[in-house]
Every structure is written in C-alpha cells, then in structure tokens.
Amino acid sequence: MGSGSGIRVRRVYDPPEDDDGTRVLVDRLWPRGISKEHAAVDMWAKDVTPSKELRTWYHEDRTGGRYDDFVDRYRTELGDPAHTEAVEALLALLRRGGPVTLVTSVKDVPASHVPVLVEHLEHALDHR
C-alpha cells in the first residue's frame, strides 16, 4: 500500500524491503512475537496512535459498526496537542524526501487507524 506522498504502509511481520526507506512503527504497543531486530524500525511513533480509551472503545464492538465514529474521534485526537509533536516528527520525515513506511501489527489495515493517519499526514503536507 502506497501513496503519492511517499507514504507506504506495511505489516511489521512482513520482511523489510530495500525500498522501505525510513520505517516507522505506528502502534501504541510493541507487536507480539517480533524482535526489534526483525521489525527493523527506525522510529516508534506511539504518540500518533489512538488513545488507549479510543482503542478500547473501538475494539469492544467486533462487528465493525463503530468504524466511522472511530475515524471521527481519531481525527479529533490527531488535532490534539498531545499528538502534535509526534505528527510533526512524521511530517518532517516526509518533507525530507524519500519513502517513509508506516509499519503496523494490525491484521485488518484498512479498518484500522493507519488509513486515517495517512490521510491526516497527506492533508497536512498538501496544506502547509
């Protein structure tokens, strides 16, 4: 999964590829069963992830019926001061050029926080 902004998305369990560029883990918790060496991440951006409360709320409903509300709530969180420094660090990486690969342990990436984060970063790059 990639975008025109140089942001790529991969699962942390997949082997790193030569064209990954800077690999950034975008999960709040370290992925189970994977060593730091195998994950090959350059940065762990846990402060851009949904809060523990939002994650817990979202995962209480396994039917997926909360995703739209989750997206709205996570977008609000990304605008909070608590996330600003971490978002700015990712934007600085992207502005330097070269690919940035966001890695995650989630199984269902399209129904996770990652697409929301990518959209947020792309929007910020387009409007600054």
N, C-alpha and C. Protein backbone atom coordinates (compact mmCIF):
# COMPACT_ATOMS: atom_id res chain seq x y z
N MET A 1 0.86 -1.17 0.00
CA MET A 1 0.00 0.00 0.00
C MET A 1 0.90 1.23 0.00
N GLY A 2 0.68 2.12 -0.93
CA GLY A 2 1.48 3.33 -1.00
C GLY A 2 0.62 4.51 -1.40
N SER A 3 1.23 5.68 -1.37
CA SER A 3 0.50 6.88 -1.75
C SER A 3 1.44 7.78 -2.53
N GLY A 4 0.89 8.79 -3.15
CA GLY A 4 1.68 9.72 -3.93
C GLY A 4 2.59 10.58 -3.08
N SER A 5 2.40 10.60 -1.79
CA SER A 5 3.19 11.45 -0.89
C SER A 5 4.47 10.78 -0.43
N GLY A 6 4.71 9.55 -0.84
CA GLY A 6 5.89 8.83 -0.36
C GLY A 6 5.61 8.00 0.87
N ILE A 7 4.36 7.98 1.32
CA ILE A 7 4.00 7.16 2.49
C ILE A 7 3.64 5.77 2.01
N ARG A 8 4.26 4.80 2.62
CA ARG A 8 3.94 3.40 2.34
C ARG A 8 3.44 2.78 3.63
N VAL A 9 2.66 1.71 3.50
CA VAL A 9 2.14 1.01 4.68
C VAL A 9 2.42 -0.47 4.50
N ARG A 10 2.98 -1.06 5.55
CA ARG A 10 3.26 -2.50 5.53
C ARG A 10 3.02 -3.07 6.91
N ARG A 11 2.83 -4.36 6.95
CA ARG A 11 2.72 -5.02 8.25
C ARG A 11 4.13 -5.28 8.77
N VAL A 12 4.29 -5.12 10.06
CA VAL A 12 5.60 -5.27 10.69
C VAL A 12 6.10 -6.71 10.60
N TYR A 13 5.20 -7.66 10.41
CA TYR A 13 5.57 -9.06 10.33
C TYR A 13 6.14 -9.44 8.96
N ASP A 14 5.92 -8.59 7.96
CA ASP A 14 6.50 -8.82 6.64
C ASP A 14 7.96 -8.42 6.67
N PRO A 15 8.80 -9.13 5.93
CA PRO A 15 10.22 -8.76 5.92
C PRO A 15 10.42 -7.37 5.33
N PRO A 16 11.36 -6.61 5.88
CA PRO A 16 11.65 -5.29 5.31
C PRO A 16 12.10 -5.41 3.86
N GLU A 17 11.81 -4.39 3.09
CA GLU A 17 12.24 -4.35 1.69
C GLU A 17 13.24 -3.21 1.51
N ASP A 18 14.09 -3.34 0.51
CA ASP A 18 15.13 -2.35 0.27
C ASP A 18 14.57 -0.95 0.03
N ASP A 19 13.38 -0.85 -0.54
CA ASP A 19 12.81 0.47 -0.86
C ASP A 19 11.86 1.00 0.22
N ASP A 20 11.91 0.43 1.42
CA ASP A 20 11.05 0.91 2.51
C ASP A 20 11.42 2.31 2.99
N GLY A 21 12.67 2.69 2.83
CA GLY A 21 13.09 3.98 3.36
C GLY A 21 13.08 3.95 4.88
N THR A 22 12.59 5.01 5.49
CA THR A 22 12.50 5.08 6.95
C THR A 22 11.27 4.31 7.40
N ARG A 23 11.48 3.34 8.27
CA ARG A 23 10.37 2.51 8.78
C ARG A 23 9.94 3.02 10.14
N VAL A 24 8.65 3.35 10.24
CA VAL A 24 8.10 3.92 11.47
C VAL A 24 6.98 3.03 11.98
N LEU A 25 7.14 2.51 13.18
CA LEU A 25 6.09 1.71 13.81
C LEU A 25 5.01 2.66 14.33
N VAL A 26 3.77 2.45 13.90
CA VAL A 26 2.66 3.31 14.30
C VAL A 26 1.62 2.53 15.10
N ASP A 27 2.10 1.77 16.07
CA ASP A 27 1.26 1.06 17.03
C ASP A 27 1.63 1.53 18.42
N ARG A 28 0.64 1.60 19.30
CA ARG A 28 0.91 2.03 20.68
C ARG A 28 1.67 0.95 21.45
N LEU A 29 1.37 -0.31 21.17
CA LEU A 29 2.02 -1.43 21.85
C LEU A 29 3.00 -2.10 20.91
N TRP A 30 4.09 -2.62 21.48
CA TRP A 30 5.06 -3.34 20.65
C TRP A 30 4.40 -4.61 20.13
N PRO A 31 4.59 -4.95 18.85
CA PRO A 31 3.95 -6.14 18.26
C PRO A 31 4.41 -7.43 18.94
N ARG A 32 3.45 -8.30 19.16
CA ARG A 32 3.74 -9.58 19.80
C ARG A 32 4.61 -10.46 18.91
N GLY A 33 5.53 -11.14 19.56
CA GLY A 33 6.30 -12.17 18.88
C GLY A 33 7.31 -11.67 17.87
N ILE A 34 7.67 -10.41 17.92
CA ILE A 34 8.64 -9.91 16.95
C ILE A 34 9.75 -9.16 17.68
N SER A 35 10.96 -9.47 17.32
CA SER A 35 12.10 -8.80 17.95
C SER A 35 12.30 -7.43 17.31
N LYS A 36 12.99 -6.57 18.03
CA LYS A 36 13.29 -5.24 17.47
C LYS A 36 14.15 -5.37 16.23
N GLU A 37 15.03 -6.35 16.22
CA GLU A 37 15.88 -6.56 15.04
C GLU A 37 15.05 -6.95 13.83
N HIS A 38 14.12 -7.89 14.00
CA HIS A 38 13.30 -8.35 12.88
C HIS A 38 12.33 -7.26 12.42
N ALA A 39 11.85 -6.44 13.33
CA ALA A 39 10.92 -5.37 12.97
C ALA A 39 11.62 -4.31 12.12
N ALA A 40 12.90 -4.11 12.36
CA ALA A 40 13.71 -3.17 11.58
C ALA A 40 13.07 -1.79 11.49
N VAL A 41 12.62 -1.27 12.64
CA VAL A 41 12.02 0.06 12.63
C VAL A 41 13.07 1.10 13.02
N ASP A 42 12.97 2.25 12.38
CA ASP A 42 13.87 3.36 12.66
C ASP A 42 13.30 4.28 13.73
N MET A 43 12.00 4.22 13.90
CA MET A 43 11.32 5.12 14.82
C MET A 43 10.03 4.45 15.29
N TRP A 44 9.68 4.67 16.54
CA TRP A 44 8.43 4.15 17.09
C TRP A 44 7.59 5.35 17.46
N ALA A 45 6.56 5.61 16.68
CA ALA A 45 5.72 6.80 16.86
C ALA A 45 4.43 6.45 17.58
N LYS A 46 4.54 6.00 18.82
CA LYS A 46 3.34 5.58 19.54
C LYS A 46 2.43 6.75 19.87
N ASP A 47 2.95 7.98 19.88
CA ASP A 47 2.12 9.13 20.21
C ASP A 47 1.25 9.63 19.06
N VAL A 48 1.33 8.97 17.89
CA VAL A 48 0.39 9.31 16.81
C VAL A 48 -0.76 8.31 16.76
N THR A 49 -0.75 7.36 17.65
CA THR A 49 -1.77 6.32 17.63
C THR A 49 -2.99 6.75 18.46
N PRO A 50 -4.11 6.07 18.25
CA PRO A 50 -5.29 6.38 19.06
C PRO A 50 -5.01 6.17 20.55
N SER A 51 -5.67 6.95 21.37
CA SER A 51 -5.52 6.80 22.82
C SER A 51 -5.99 5.41 23.25
N LYS A 52 -5.54 5.02 24.41
CA LYS A 52 -5.96 3.73 24.97
C LYS A 52 -7.48 3.67 25.08
N GLU A 53 -8.08 4.76 25.51
CA GLU A 53 -9.55 4.80 25.67
C GLU A 53 -10.25 4.61 24.33
N LEU A 54 -9.77 5.28 23.29
CA LEU A 54 -10.39 5.15 21.97
C LEU A 54 -10.18 3.75 21.42
N ARG A 55 -8.98 3.21 21.57
CA ARG A 55 -8.72 1.85 21.10
C ARG A 55 -9.63 0.85 21.79
N THR A 56 -9.75 0.98 23.11
CA THR A 56 -10.60 0.06 23.87
C THR A 56 -12.04 0.16 23.42
N TRP A 57 -12.54 1.39 23.28
CA TRP A 57 -13.91 1.61 22.84
C TRP A 57 -14.15 0.98 21.47
N TYR A 58 -13.23 1.19 20.54
CA TYR A 58 -13.39 0.68 19.17
C TYR A 58 -13.40 -0.85 19.15
N HIS A 59 -12.54 -1.46 19.93
CA HIS A 59 -12.42 -2.92 19.89
C HIS A 59 -13.48 -3.64 20.72
N GLU A 60 -14.28 -2.91 21.47
CA GLU A 60 -15.39 -3.54 22.21
C GLU A 60 -16.45 -4.07 21.26
N ASP A 61 -16.59 -3.45 20.09
CA ASP A 61 -17.60 -3.85 19.11
C ASP A 61 -16.88 -4.57 17.97
N ARG A 62 -16.93 -5.88 17.97
CA ARG A 62 -16.23 -6.68 16.95
C ARG A 62 -16.96 -6.72 15.61
N THR A 63 -18.13 -6.11 15.50
CA THR A 63 -18.87 -6.15 14.24
C THR A 63 -18.35 -5.13 13.24
N GLY A 64 -17.56 -4.18 13.71
CA GLY A 64 -17.03 -3.15 12.82
C GLY A 64 -17.97 -1.99 12.62
N GLY A 65 -19.08 -1.98 13.34
CA GLY A 65 -20.07 -0.94 13.17
C GLY A 65 -19.67 0.42 13.74
N ARG A 66 -18.55 0.47 14.42
CA ARG A 66 -18.10 1.72 15.02
C ARG A 66 -17.03 2.44 14.20
N TYR A 67 -16.66 1.91 13.06
CA TYR A 67 -15.51 2.46 12.36
C TYR A 67 -15.67 3.93 12.00
N ASP A 68 -16.81 4.33 11.48
CA ASP A 68 -16.99 5.74 11.11
C ASP A 68 -16.86 6.66 12.32
N ASP A 69 -17.43 6.25 13.44
CA ASP A 69 -17.28 7.04 14.66
C ASP A 69 -15.83 7.03 15.14
N PHE A 70 -15.18 5.88 15.01
CA PHE A 70 -13.77 5.77 15.38
C PHE A 70 -12.93 6.75 14.55
N VAL A 71 -13.18 6.79 13.25
CA VAL A 71 -12.43 7.69 12.37
C VAL A 71 -12.62 9.14 12.81
N ASP A 72 -13.84 9.54 13.08
CA ASP A 72 -14.09 10.92 13.53
C ASP A 72 -13.38 11.22 14.84
N ARG A 73 -13.45 10.29 15.77
CA ARG A 73 -12.82 10.51 17.08
C ARG A 73 -11.29 10.53 16.97
N TYR A 74 -10.74 9.67 16.12
CA TYR A 74 -9.29 9.64 15.95
C TYR A 74 -8.80 10.91 15.24
N ARG A 75 -9.54 11.38 14.26
CA ARG A 75 -9.17 12.65 13.61
C ARG A 75 -9.11 13.78 14.63
N THR A 76 -10.08 13.79 15.54
CA THR A 76 -10.08 14.81 16.59
C THR A 76 -8.84 14.66 17.47
N GLU A 77 -8.52 13.43 17.83
CA GLU A 77 -7.32 13.19 18.65
C GLU A 77 -6.05 13.65 17.93
N LEU A 78 -5.97 13.41 16.64
CA LEU A 78 -4.76 13.80 15.90
C LEU A 78 -4.55 15.32 15.93
N GLY A 79 -5.61 16.07 16.12
CA GLY A 79 -5.50 17.51 16.23
C GLY A 79 -5.19 18.00 17.62
N ASP A 80 -5.22 17.11 18.61
CA ASP A 80 -4.94 17.48 20.00
C ASP A 80 -3.45 17.77 20.19
N PRO A 81 -3.13 18.65 21.13
CA PRO A 81 -1.73 18.95 21.43
C PRO A 81 -0.91 17.71 21.81
N ALA A 82 -1.55 16.72 22.40
CA ALA A 82 -0.83 15.50 22.81
C ALA A 82 -0.23 14.77 21.60
N HIS A 83 -0.81 14.95 20.43
CA HIS A 83 -0.34 14.27 19.22
C HIS A 83 0.54 15.17 18.34
N THR A 84 0.53 16.47 18.59
CA THR A 84 1.16 17.43 17.69
C THR A 84 2.64 17.14 17.44
N GLU A 85 3.40 16.93 18.49
CA GLU A 85 4.84 16.72 18.32
C GLU A 85 5.14 15.47 17.48
N ALA A 86 4.42 14.39 17.74
CA ALA A 86 4.64 13.15 17.00
C ALA A 86 4.22 13.29 15.54
N VAL A 87 3.11 13.97 15.29
CA VAL A 87 2.67 14.21 13.91
C VAL A 87 3.70 15.06 13.19
N GLU A 88 4.19 16.10 13.86
CA GLU A 88 5.20 16.97 13.24
C GLU A 88 6.48 16.21 12.92
N ALA A 89 6.86 15.28 13.77
CA ALA A 89 8.06 14.47 13.50
C ALA A 89 7.88 13.64 12.24
N LEU A 90 6.70 13.06 12.06
CA LEU A 90 6.43 12.29 10.84
C LEU A 90 6.41 13.21 9.62
N LEU A 91 5.81 14.37 9.76
CA LEU A 91 5.78 15.32 8.64
C LEU A 91 7.19 15.76 8.26
N ALA A 92 8.06 15.96 9.23
CA ALA A 92 9.44 16.34 8.95
C ALA A 92 10.15 15.25 8.16
N LEU A 93 9.91 13.99 8.52
CA LEU A 93 10.49 12.87 7.76
C LEU A 93 10.01 12.90 6.31
N LEU A 94 8.74 13.12 6.13
CA LEU A 94 8.16 13.12 4.80
C LEU A 94 8.68 14.29 3.97
N ARG A 95 8.86 15.43 4.59
CA ARG A 95 9.35 16.61 3.87
C ARG A 95 10.81 16.46 3.45
N ARG A 96 11.56 15.66 4.16
CA ARG A 96 12.97 15.43 3.80
C ARG A 96 13.08 14.68 2.48
N GLY A 97 12.03 14.00 2.11
CA GLY A 97 12.05 13.22 0.88
C GLY A 97 12.40 11.78 1.15
N GLY A 98 12.26 10.97 0.15
CA GLY A 98 12.49 9.55 0.31
C GLY A 98 11.28 8.89 0.92
N PRO A 99 11.15 7.63 0.71
CA PRO A 99 9.97 6.95 1.22
C PRO A 99 9.97 6.83 2.74
N VAL A 100 8.78 6.86 3.29
CA VAL A 100 8.55 6.59 4.71
C VAL A 100 7.53 5.46 4.74
N THR A 101 7.87 4.39 5.41
CA THR A 101 6.98 3.25 5.51
C THR A 101 6.43 3.16 6.93
N LEU A 102 5.12 3.28 7.03
CA LEU A 102 4.45 3.11 8.31
C LEU A 102 4.20 1.62 8.49
N VAL A 103 4.70 1.06 9.57
CA VAL A 103 4.52 -0.37 9.81
C VAL A 103 3.60 -0.56 11.01
N THR A 104 2.80 -1.59 10.93
CA THR A 104 1.81 -1.86 11.95
C THR A 104 1.63 -3.36 12.12
N SER A 105 1.12 -3.75 13.26
CA SER A 105 0.86 -5.17 13.50
C SER A 105 -0.61 -5.53 13.25
N VAL A 106 -1.45 -4.55 12.99
CA VAL A 106 -2.87 -4.85 12.84
C VAL A 106 -3.10 -5.77 11.64
N LYS A 107 -4.05 -6.67 11.79
CA LYS A 107 -4.36 -7.63 10.72
C LYS A 107 -5.17 -6.98 9.61
N ASP A 108 -6.14 -6.17 9.98
CA ASP A 108 -7.04 -5.55 9.01
C ASP A 108 -6.67 -4.07 8.87
N VAL A 109 -5.62 -3.80 8.11
CA VAL A 109 -5.11 -2.44 7.99
C VAL A 109 -6.18 -1.46 7.51
N PRO A 110 -6.99 -1.79 6.49
CA PRO A 110 -7.98 -0.81 6.02
C PRO A 110 -9.02 -0.41 7.08
N ALA A 111 -9.24 -1.25 8.08
CA ALA A 111 -10.22 -0.95 9.13
C ALA A 111 -9.52 -0.51 10.42
N SER A 112 -8.33 0.03 10.28
CA SER A 112 -7.56 0.44 11.46
C SER A 112 -7.33 1.94 11.45
N HIS A 113 -6.49 2.38 12.36
CA HIS A 113 -6.13 3.79 12.46
C HIS A 113 -5.19 4.23 11.35
N VAL A 114 -4.51 3.29 10.71
CA VAL A 114 -3.45 3.63 9.77
C VAL A 114 -3.95 4.44 8.57
N PRO A 115 -5.05 4.06 7.90
CA PRO A 115 -5.51 4.90 6.78
C PRO A 115 -5.88 6.32 7.21
N VAL A 116 -6.40 6.46 8.41
CA VAL A 116 -6.77 7.78 8.94
C VAL A 116 -5.51 8.60 9.15
N LEU A 117 -4.48 7.98 9.69
CA LEU A 117 -3.20 8.66 9.90
C LEU A 117 -2.58 9.08 8.57
N VAL A 118 -2.59 8.18 7.60
CA VAL A 118 -2.03 8.51 6.28
C VAL A 118 -2.78 9.70 5.68
N GLU A 119 -4.10 9.68 5.74
CA GLU A 119 -4.90 10.78 5.21
C GLU A 119 -4.57 12.09 5.94
N HIS A 120 -4.43 12.03 7.24
CA HIS A 120 -4.10 13.21 8.05
C HIS A 120 -2.74 13.79 7.62
N LEU A 121 -1.76 12.92 7.46
CA LEU A 121 -0.43 13.36 7.06
C LEU A 121 -0.44 13.95 5.65
N GLU A 122 -1.12 13.28 4.73
CA GLU A 122 -1.20 13.79 3.37
C GLU A 122 -1.89 15.14 3.31
N HIS A 123 -2.94 15.29 4.07
CA HIS A 123 -3.66 16.58 4.12
C HIS A 123 -2.75 17.67 4.66
N ALA A 124 -2.01 17.36 5.71
CA ALA A 124 -1.09 18.35 6.30
C ALA A 124 0.01 18.73 5.31
N LEU A 125 0.50 17.76 4.55
CA LEU A 125 1.54 18.05 3.56
C LEU A 125 1.00 18.94 2.43
N ASP A 126 -0.24 18.70 2.06
CA ASP A 126 -0.85 19.47 0.97
C ASP A 126 -1.22 20.89 1.38
N HIS A 127 -1.39 21.13 2.67
CA HIS A 127 -1.88 22.43 3.13
C HIS A 127 -0.89 23.21 3.98
N ARG A 128 0.39 22.96 3.80
CA ARG A 128 1.42 23.72 4.53
C ARG A 128 2.43 24.25 3.58
